[in-house]
Amino acid sequence: MEYIYAALLLHKLEKEVTEDAVKSVVAATGVTVDEAKVKSMIASLKDVDIASELANASLVSAAPTSGSAPAAEKKEEKPKEEKKEAAAEGLSSLFG
């Protein structure tokens, strides 16, 4: 995960995401750098437009959250109200 964060930090700072740059960022945090992980990540980021991927990721993650949350809240509120009414009716029958 720290390697991804390093790549994102470099991208945000408009620096080139290279093996040496990622190693430097990760090493600065005090974590031992795994050369194989750095090489694997750099190879998988080849020909990837990070800015475009970030823009698409934020759109995808924001869409489901905003549409489904209010519906779930409404469903939970209705049964609770019905239970309170049923409980009140039960108590009133006990005390006539």
Protein backbone atom coordinates (compact mmCIF):
# COMPACT_ATOMS: atom_id res chain seq x y z
CA MET A 1 0.00 0.00 0.00
CA GLU A 2 2.83 2.39 0.80
CA TYR A 3 4.13 1.99 -2.75
CA ILE A 4 0.81 3.10 -4.18
CA TYR A 5 0.74 6.06 -1.80
CA ALA A 6 4.27 6.97 -2.90
CA ALA A 7 3.22 6.89 -6.56
CA LEU A 8 0.15 9.01 -5.83
CA LEU A 9 2.21 11.51 -3.85
CA LEU A 10 4.74 11.80 -6.67
CA HIS A 11 1.92 12.27 -9.17
CA LYS A 12 0.27 14.97 -7.04
CA LEU A 13 3.57 16.82 -6.78
CA GLU A 14 3.88 16.53 -10.57
CA LYS A 15 7.06 14.45 -10.29
CA GLU A 16 7.84 11.53 -12.55
CA VAL A 17 6.87 8.17 -11.02
CA THR A 18 10.08 6.17 -11.37
CA GLU A 19 11.65 3.32 -9.41
CA ASP A 20 14.19 5.63 -7.79
CA ALA A 21 11.57 8.21 -6.85
CA VAL A 22 9.24 5.62 -5.31
CA LYS A 23 12.14 4.03 -3.42
CA SER A 24 13.13 7.43 -2.04
CA VAL A 25 9.62 8.24 -0.85
CA VAL A 26 9.11 4.83 0.77
CA ALA A 27 12.57 4.89 2.37
CA ALA A 28 11.86 8.36 3.79
CA THR A 29 8.98 6.87 5.79
CA GLY A 30 11.32 4.45 7.52
CA VAL A 31 9.94 1.34 5.81
CA THR A 32 12.33 -1.17 4.28
CA VAL A 33 11.97 -0.96 0.51
CA ASP A 34 11.06 -4.16 -1.33
CA GLU A 35 12.74 -3.81 -4.72
CA ALA A 36 10.50 -6.45 -6.34
CA LYS A 37 7.32 -4.62 -5.31
CA VAL A 38 8.65 -1.32 -6.63
CA LYS A 39 9.61 -2.86 -9.97
CA SER A 40 6.27 -4.65 -10.26
CA MET A 41 4.30 -1.49 -9.54
CA ILE A 42 6.32 0.65 -11.95
CA ALA A 43 5.88 -1.99 -14.67
CA SER A 44 2.11 -2.10 -14.09
CA LEU A 45 1.88 1.71 -14.20
CA LYS A 46 3.60 1.82 -17.59
CA ASP A 47 1.25 3.46 -20.13
CA VAL A 48 -1.28 4.37 -17.38
CA ASP A 49 -2.59 7.92 -17.17
CA ILE A 50 -2.84 8.32 -13.39
CA ALA A 51 -4.87 11.56 -13.57
CA SER A 52 -7.47 9.93 -15.80
CA GLU A 53 -7.70 6.86 -13.58
CA LEU A 54 -8.14 8.99 -10.48
CA ALA A 55 -10.91 11.00 -12.13
CA ASN A 56 -12.73 7.81 -13.15
CA ALA A 57 -12.27 6.23 -9.73
CA SER A 58 -13.79 9.17 -7.87
CA LEU A 59 -16.80 9.25 -10.19
CA VAL A 60 -17.45 5.55 -9.82
CA SER A 61 -17.13 5.49 -6.05
CA ALA A 62 -19.28 8.59 -5.54
CA ALA A 63 -22.23 7.49 -7.66
CA PRO A 64 -23.43 4.39 -5.76
CA THR A 65 -22.98 5.98 -2.35
CA SER A 66 -25.17 9.00 -2.98
CA GLY A 67 -28.07 7.08 -4.52
CA SER A 68 -28.41 4.11 -2.18
CA ALA A 69 -27.92 5.61 1.29
CA PRO A 70 -31.19 7.58 1.64
CA ALA A 71 -33.27 4.61 0.53
CA ALA A 72 -31.66 2.40 3.17
CA GLU A 73 -32.34 4.96 5.89
CA LYS A 74 -36.02 5.23 4.97
CA LYS A 75 -36.48 1.46 5.11
CA GLU A 76 -35.01 1.30 8.60
CA GLU A 77 -37.21 4.10 10.00
CA LYS A 78 -40.60 2.62 9.05
CA PRO A 79 -40.32 -0.67 10.99
CA LYS A 80 -39.15 1.15 14.11
CA GLU A 81 -42.22 3.40 14.11
CA GLU A 82 -44.54 0.43 13.66
CA LYS A 83 -42.93 -1.40 16.57
CA LYS A 84 -43.41 1.62 18.86
CA GLU A 85 -47.10 1.87 17.92
CA ALA A 86 -47.63 -1.85 18.51
CA ALA A 87 -45.90 -1.62 21.89
CA ALA A 88 -48.08 1.34 22.90
CA GLU A 89 -51.23 -0.57 21.95
CA GLY A 90 -50.10 -3.57 24.01
CA LEU A 91 -49.47 -1.40 27.07
CA SER A 92 -52.84 0.33 26.80
CA SER A 93 -54.64 -3.01 26.82
CA LEU A 94 -52.92 -3.95 30.07
CA PHE A 95 -54.05 -0.81 31.89
CA GLY A 96 -57.52 -0.65 30.39
